[in-house]
């Protein structure tokens, strides 16, 4: 795990702080914030070096400094599990990390903030260490994630229809998942193709916690919908229709087409498809009225 090079420490740095790791500084910060001794800014938005300096400045102004330091160290010993429990996690595997973070949020009913640090792995560590649970609970959770990952991970053969280089397809897939509340995390907004693909894959992995038949049905319907969209976009399935529109509606259609950089017929198809999915399909993608 890579973090910024520590800045020079203040002259009166407590000797215990000199060798504090990233996790230990963050843990000390959490402890002081939880006790109301320092003000908690927006989570994860200041660097670890800033937190270190802030804490040292605060402690240097206390008459009972050593007592507070002893409390912090005691808290660290009962809060931080050994780093070896994270060794099975590839720091670059965003797909896996999305799963762990989302399961954390689900199991412990906590908010998850993603995108505030350069590496999502660092956000996982910060979030995990801050859990207000004993070490045995944390160890049980992270080892369970390790043991079940291979079981819930969607097979590559089921997702190989997704093209890493097809930005249009990946954006469509992410939007499709959103329509049915199937996204791995409703608060993330992946932009790059790699991030989009990882988030889409993780969304299907998380569905493995439910009924397998529901996941299979949803995936099958999604693939068919994409195939139909490709066929429609190719122009092979199109027939000429005359749709009378008022001048106002015609003007609005032209403005929408210009705004979306689409043809007018594409805008109409898009609007009809969205309305159909919103009114005719249930959350599993099944037709609500015709079985």
Protein backbone atom coordinates (compact mmCIF):
# COMPACT_ATOMS: atom_id res chain seq x y z
CA UNK A 1 0.00 0.00 0.00
CA UNK A 2 1.55 3.30 -1.12
CA UNK A 3 0.97 6.60 0.69
CA UNK A 4 2.49 10.04 0.51
CA UNK A 5 5.94 10.48 2.07
CA UNK A 6 5.47 11.80 5.63
CA UNK A 7 6.28 15.47 6.16
CA UNK A 8 8.85 16.59 8.78
CA UNK A 9 7.39 16.14 12.26
CA UNK A 10 6.99 19.00 14.76
CA UNK A 11 9.81 19.44 17.27
CA UNK A 12 7.63 18.25 20.15
CA UNK A 13 6.33 15.16 18.38
CA UNK A 14 5.39 12.46 20.92
CA UNK A 15 7.92 9.65 20.55
CA UNK A 16 5.05 7.19 20.14
CA UNK A 17 3.91 9.04 17.00
CA UNK A 18 7.26 8.87 15.23
CA UNK A 19 6.71 5.37 13.86
CA UNK A 20 2.95 5.47 13.50
CA UNK A 21 1.78 3.92 10.23
CA UNK A 22 -0.96 5.26 7.98
CA UNK A 23 -3.53 3.06 9.73
CA UNK A 24 -2.36 4.04 13.21
CA UNK A 25 -2.55 7.76 12.44
CA UNK A 26 -6.02 7.31 10.96
CA UNK A 27 -7.08 5.25 13.98
CA UNK A 28 -5.81 7.96 16.35
CA UNK A 29 -7.71 10.53 14.32
CA UNK A 30 -10.91 8.48 14.53
CA UNK A 31 -10.52 8.05 18.29
CA UNK A 32 -10.08 11.78 18.90
CA UNK A 33 -12.97 12.66 16.59
CA UNK A 34 -15.25 10.10 18.26
CA UNK A 35 -14.50 11.70 21.62
CA UNK A 36 -15.06 15.21 20.31
CA UNK A 37 -11.46 16.29 20.89
CA UNK A 38 -10.85 17.36 17.30
CA UNK A 39 -13.28 18.49 14.62
CA UNK A 40 -13.96 15.91 11.94
CA UNK A 41 -13.89 17.48 8.47
CA UNK A 42 -15.50 15.78 5.49
CA UNK A 43 -14.40 12.16 5.66
CA UNK A 44 -11.06 11.38 4.00
CA UNK A 45 -10.70 14.87 2.49
CA UNK A 46 -7.50 15.86 4.28
CA UNK A 47 -4.23 14.00 3.91
CA UNK A 48 -2.74 11.67 6.48
CA UNK A 49 0.13 14.14 7.02
CA UNK A 50 -2.34 16.91 7.80
CA UNK A 51 -4.08 14.65 10.30
CA UNK A 52 -0.74 13.75 11.91
CA UNK A 53 0.25 17.41 12.34
CA UNK A 54 -3.23 18.38 13.56
CA UNK A 55 -3.16 15.63 16.20
CA UNK A 56 0.35 16.49 17.36
CA UNK A 57 -0.53 20.17 17.67
CA UNK A 58 -3.60 19.27 19.70
CA UNK A 59 -1.75 16.85 21.98
CA UNK A 60 1.12 19.28 22.58
CA UNK A 61 -1.39 21.72 24.05
CA UNK A 62 -2.69 19.29 26.64
CA UNK A 63 -1.58 19.02 30.24
CA UNK A 64 -2.51 15.33 30.29
CA UNK A 65 -0.93 14.57 26.93
CA UNK A 66 0.61 11.24 27.92
CA UNK A 67 -2.68 9.98 29.32
CA UNK A 68 -4.45 10.69 26.00
CA UNK A 69 -1.60 9.08 24.03
CA UNK A 70 -1.90 5.95 26.19
CA UNK A 71 -5.65 5.87 25.49
CA UNK A 72 -5.01 6.16 21.74
CA UNK A 73 -2.48 3.32 21.75
CA UNK A 74 -4.82 1.13 23.79
CA UNK A 75 -7.62 1.86 21.30
CA UNK A 76 -5.37 0.95 18.38
CA UNK A 77 -4.51 -2.40 19.94
CA UNK A 78 -8.19 -3.31 20.31
CA UNK A 79 -9.31 -1.89 16.94
CA UNK A 80 -6.73 -2.60 14.21
CA UNK A 81 -6.52 -6.18 12.98
CA UNK A 82 -3.19 -7.37 11.59
CA UNK A 83 -2.52 -6.21 8.04
CA UNK A 84 -1.93 -9.81 6.95
CA UNK A 85 -5.72 -10.28 6.89
CA UNK A 86 -5.80 -7.99 3.84
CA UNK A 87 -3.00 -9.73 1.94
CA UNK A 88 -5.42 -11.71 -0.24
CA UNK A 89 -6.85 -8.49 -1.71
CA UNK A 90 -5.23 -7.20 -4.89
CA UNK A 91 -4.98 -3.43 -4.34
CA UNK A 92 -5.74 -2.84 -8.03
CA UNK A 93 -8.79 -5.14 -8.16
CA UNK A 94 -11.53 -2.51 -8.07
CA UNK A 95 -14.16 -5.12 -8.81
CA UNK A 96 -13.37 -7.06 -5.64
CA UNK A 97 -12.98 -3.92 -3.53
CA UNK A 98 -16.39 -2.67 -4.69
CA UNK A 99 -17.89 -5.95 -3.45
CA UNK A 100 -16.21 -5.72 -0.04
CA UNK A 101 -17.21 -2.08 0.45
CA UNK A 102 -20.81 -2.70 -0.57
CA UNK A 103 -21.04 -5.74 1.70
CA UNK A 104 -19.63 -3.62 4.54
CA UNK A 105 -22.34 -1.04 3.95
CA UNK A 106 -25.02 -3.72 3.81
CA UNK A 107 -23.90 -5.77 6.82
CA UNK A 108 -23.04 -2.89 9.15
CA UNK A 109 -25.48 -0.24 7.86
CA UNK A 110 -22.83 2.40 7.23
CA UNK A 111 -22.45 4.98 4.43
CA UNK A 112 -19.73 4.37 1.87
CA UNK A 113 -17.82 7.25 0.27
CA UNK A 114 -15.86 6.42 -2.87
CA UNK A 115 -13.73 8.72 -4.98
CA UNK A 116 -12.28 10.96 -2.28
CA UNK A 117 -8.87 9.26 -2.30
CA UNK A 118 -6.69 8.36 -5.30
CA UNK A 119 -6.96 4.63 -4.57
CA UNK A 120 -10.17 2.84 -3.70
CA UNK A 121 -8.12 0.31 -1.70
CA UNK A 122 -7.09 3.06 0.73
CA UNK A 123 -10.75 3.99 1.15
CA UNK A 124 -11.53 0.38 1.96
CA UNK A 125 -8.87 0.26 4.68
CA UNK A 126 -9.99 3.55 6.23
CA UNK A 127 -13.65 2.49 6.19
CA UNK A 128 -12.91 -0.97 7.57
CA UNK A 129 -10.66 0.22 10.40
CA UNK A 130 -13.27 2.80 11.45
CA UNK A 131 -15.95 0.14 12.04
CA UNK A 132 -17.13 0.40 15.66
CA UNK A 133 -16.84 -3.34 16.24
CA UNK A 134 -14.39 -5.58 18.07
CA UNK A 135 -11.49 -7.26 16.31
CA UNK A 136 -13.08 -10.71 16.24
CA UNK A 137 -16.08 -9.31 14.33
CA UNK A 138 -13.78 -7.61 11.84
CA UNK A 139 -11.64 -10.72 11.37
CA UNK A 140 -14.74 -12.84 10.83
CA UNK A 141 -16.04 -10.43 8.20
CA UNK A 142 -12.83 -10.10 6.17
CA UNK A 143 -12.07 -13.84 6.24
CA UNK A 144 -15.64 -14.59 5.18
CA UNK A 145 -15.20 -12.22 2.23
CA UNK A 146 -12.03 -14.08 1.28
CA UNK A 147 -13.70 -17.48 1.53
CA UNK A 148 -16.84 -16.54 -0.43
CA UNK A 149 -15.31 -14.37 -3.16
CA UNK A 150 -14.71 -17.30 -5.48
CA UNK A 151 -18.32 -18.42 -5.03
CA UNK A 152 -20.04 -15.10 -5.77
CA UNK A 153 -17.71 -13.91 -8.53
CA UNK A 154 -19.60 -14.05 -11.82
CA UNK A 155 -17.94 -16.32 -14.37
CA UNK A 156 -16.05 -14.55 -17.15
CA UNK A 157 -18.03 -16.55 -19.72
CA UNK A 158 -21.25 -14.91 -18.49
CA UNK A 159 -19.90 -11.39 -18.95
CA UNK A 160 -17.63 -11.74 -21.98
CA UNK A 161 -20.30 -10.04 -24.14
CA UNK A 162 -19.24 -6.78 -22.47
CA UNK A 163 -16.55 -5.08 -24.55
CA UNK A 164 -13.92 -3.17 -22.56
CA UNK A 165 -13.32 -0.89 -25.55
CA UNK A 166 -16.99 -0.16 -26.28
CA UNK A 167 -17.76 3.01 -24.33
CA UNK A 168 -21.29 3.19 -25.73
CA UNK A 169 -22.09 -0.33 -24.54
CA UNK A 170 -20.59 0.17 -21.09
CA UNK A 171 -22.48 3.42 -20.53
CA UNK A 172 -25.67 1.72 -21.70
CA UNK A 173 -25.08 -1.23 -19.35
CA UNK A 174 -24.48 1.07 -16.38
CA UNK A 175 -27.66 3.02 -17.16
CA UNK A 176 -29.60 -0.24 -17.55
CA UNK A 177 -28.46 -1.46 -14.14
CA UNK A 178 -29.47 1.88 -12.65
CA UNK A 179 -33.00 1.64 -14.06
CA UNK A 180 -33.58 -1.54 -12.08
CA UNK A 181 -31.64 -0.49 -8.95
CA UNK A 182 -29.01 -3.15 -9.59
CA UNK A 183 -25.89 -0.99 -9.38
CA UNK A 184 -23.21 -2.07 -6.93
CA UNK A 185 -23.29 1.43 -5.43
CA UNK A 186 -25.81 4.10 -6.40
CA UNK A 187 -23.43 6.87 -5.31
CA UNK A 188 -20.51 6.17 -7.63
CA UNK A 189 -20.15 7.65 -11.09
CA UNK A 190 -17.53 5.72 -13.08
CA UNK A 191 -16.27 7.54 -16.17
CA UNK A 192 -13.35 5.59 -17.63
CA UNK A 193 -14.04 2.31 -19.43
CA UNK A 194 -12.06 0.25 -16.92
CA UNK A 195 -13.96 1.75 -13.97
CA UNK A 196 -17.28 1.24 -15.74
CA UNK A 197 -16.52 -2.40 -16.51
CA UNK A 198 -15.38 -3.11 -12.93
CA UNK A 199 -18.53 -1.51 -11.50
CA UNK A 200 -20.77 -3.46 -13.90
CA UNK A 201 -19.02 -6.75 -13.13
CA UNK A 202 -19.22 -6.07 -9.39
CA UNK A 203 -22.94 -5.33 -9.72
CA UNK A 204 -23.51 -8.83 -11.07
CA UNK A 205 -21.23 -10.33 -8.43
CA UNK A 206 -23.32 -8.71 -5.69
CA UNK A 207 -26.49 -10.17 -7.22
CA UNK A 208 -25.03 -13.58 -6.33
CA UNK A 209 -26.13 -12.94 -2.74
CA UNK A 210 -29.74 -13.30 -3.92
CA UNK A 211 -31.51 -16.04 -5.85
CA UNK A 212 -29.36 -17.42 -8.64
CA UNK A 213 -32.39 -17.75 -10.93
CA UNK A 214 -33.16 -14.03 -10.59
CA UNK A 215 -29.61 -13.11 -11.52
CA UNK A 216 -29.58 -15.46 -14.52
CA UNK A 217 -32.93 -14.12 -15.74
CA UNK A 218 -31.85 -10.48 -15.34
CA UNK A 219 -28.55 -11.08 -17.12
CA UNK A 220 -30.27 -12.92 -19.96
CA UNK A 221 -32.84 -10.16 -20.42
CA UNK A 222 -30.11 -7.51 -20.33
CA UNK A 223 -28.10 -9.29 -23.03
CA UNK A 224 -31.19 -9.62 -25.22
CA UNK A 225 -32.06 -5.96 -24.73
CA UNK A 226 -28.55 -4.98 -25.80
CA UNK A 227 -28.76 -7.22 -28.88
CA UNK A 228 -32.10 -5.65 -29.79
CA UNK A 229 -30.65 -2.18 -29.35
CA UNK A 230 -27.73 -3.00 -31.65
CA UNK A 231 -30.16 -4.37 -34.23
CA UNK A 232 -32.34 -1.27 -34.05
CA UNK A 233 -29.36 1.07 -34.24
CA UNK A 234 -28.10 -0.73 -37.33
CA UNK A 235 -31.24 0.37 -39.18
CA UNK A 236 -32.16 -3.16 -40.25
CA UNK A 237 -35.24 -3.29 -38.05
CA UNK A 238 -36.61 0.11 -38.96
CA UNK A 239 -39.86 0.80 -40.78
CA UNK A 240 -41.16 4.16 -41.85
CA UNK A 241 -43.96 5.53 -39.69
CA UNK A 242 -45.76 8.83 -39.94
CA UNK A 243 -46.39 10.33 -36.50
CA UNK A 244 -48.36 13.60 -36.54
CA UNK A 245 -46.86 16.10 -34.10
CA UNK A 246 -47.87 19.60 -33.12
CA UNK A 247 -45.47 22.37 -34.06
CA UNK A 248 -44.50 22.77 -30.42
CA UNK A 249 -43.78 19.06 -29.98
CA UNK A 250 -41.84 19.00 -33.25
CA UNK A 251 -39.72 21.92 -32.05
CA UNK A 252 -39.11 20.20 -28.70
CA UNK A 253 -38.11 16.99 -30.48
CA UNK A 254 -35.62 18.86 -32.66
CA UNK A 255 -34.09 20.56 -29.61
CA UNK A 256 -33.80 17.21 -27.79
CA UNK A 257 -32.14 15.64 -30.82
CA UNK A 258 -29.66 18.50 -31.04
CA UNK A 259 -28.96 18.38 -27.30
CA UNK A 260 -28.40 14.60 -27.29
CA UNK A 261 -26.57 14.61 -30.62
CA UNK A 262 -29.02 12.01 -31.95
CA UNK A 263 -31.39 11.74 -34.86
CA UNK A 264 -35.04 12.53 -34.14
CA UNK A 265 -36.07 8.91 -34.64
CA UNK A 266 -33.39 7.81 -32.15
CA UNK A 267 -34.72 10.25 -29.56
CA UNK A 268 -38.25 8.90 -30.03
CA UNK A 269 -37.04 5.29 -29.67
CA UNK A 270 -35.07 6.18 -26.56
CA UNK A 271 -38.07 7.87 -24.93
CA UNK A 272 -40.39 4.97 -25.77
CA UNK A 273 -37.91 2.40 -24.43
CA UNK A 274 -37.46 4.29 -21.15
CA UNK A 275 -41.21 4.67 -20.68
CA UNK A 276 -41.79 1.00 -21.53
CA UNK A 277 -39.21 -0.20 -19.02
CA UNK A 278 -40.53 2.19 -16.36
CA UNK A 279 -44.19 1.21 -16.73
CA UNK A 280 -44.21 -2.34 -18.10
CA UNK A 281 -41.28 -4.11 -16.40
CA UNK A 282 -40.81 -4.95 -12.73
CA UNK A 283 -37.53 -4.62 -10.82
CA UNK A 284 -36.42 -8.02 -12.12
CA UNK A 285 -36.99 -6.98 -15.72
CA UNK A 286 -40.11 -9.14 -16.10
CA UNK A 287 -43.26 -7.86 -17.80
CA UNK A 288 -45.68 -6.85 -15.05
CA UNK A 289 -48.81 -7.49 -17.06
CA UNK A 290 -48.05 -10.36 -19.43
CA UNK A 291 -46.35 -13.51 -18.16
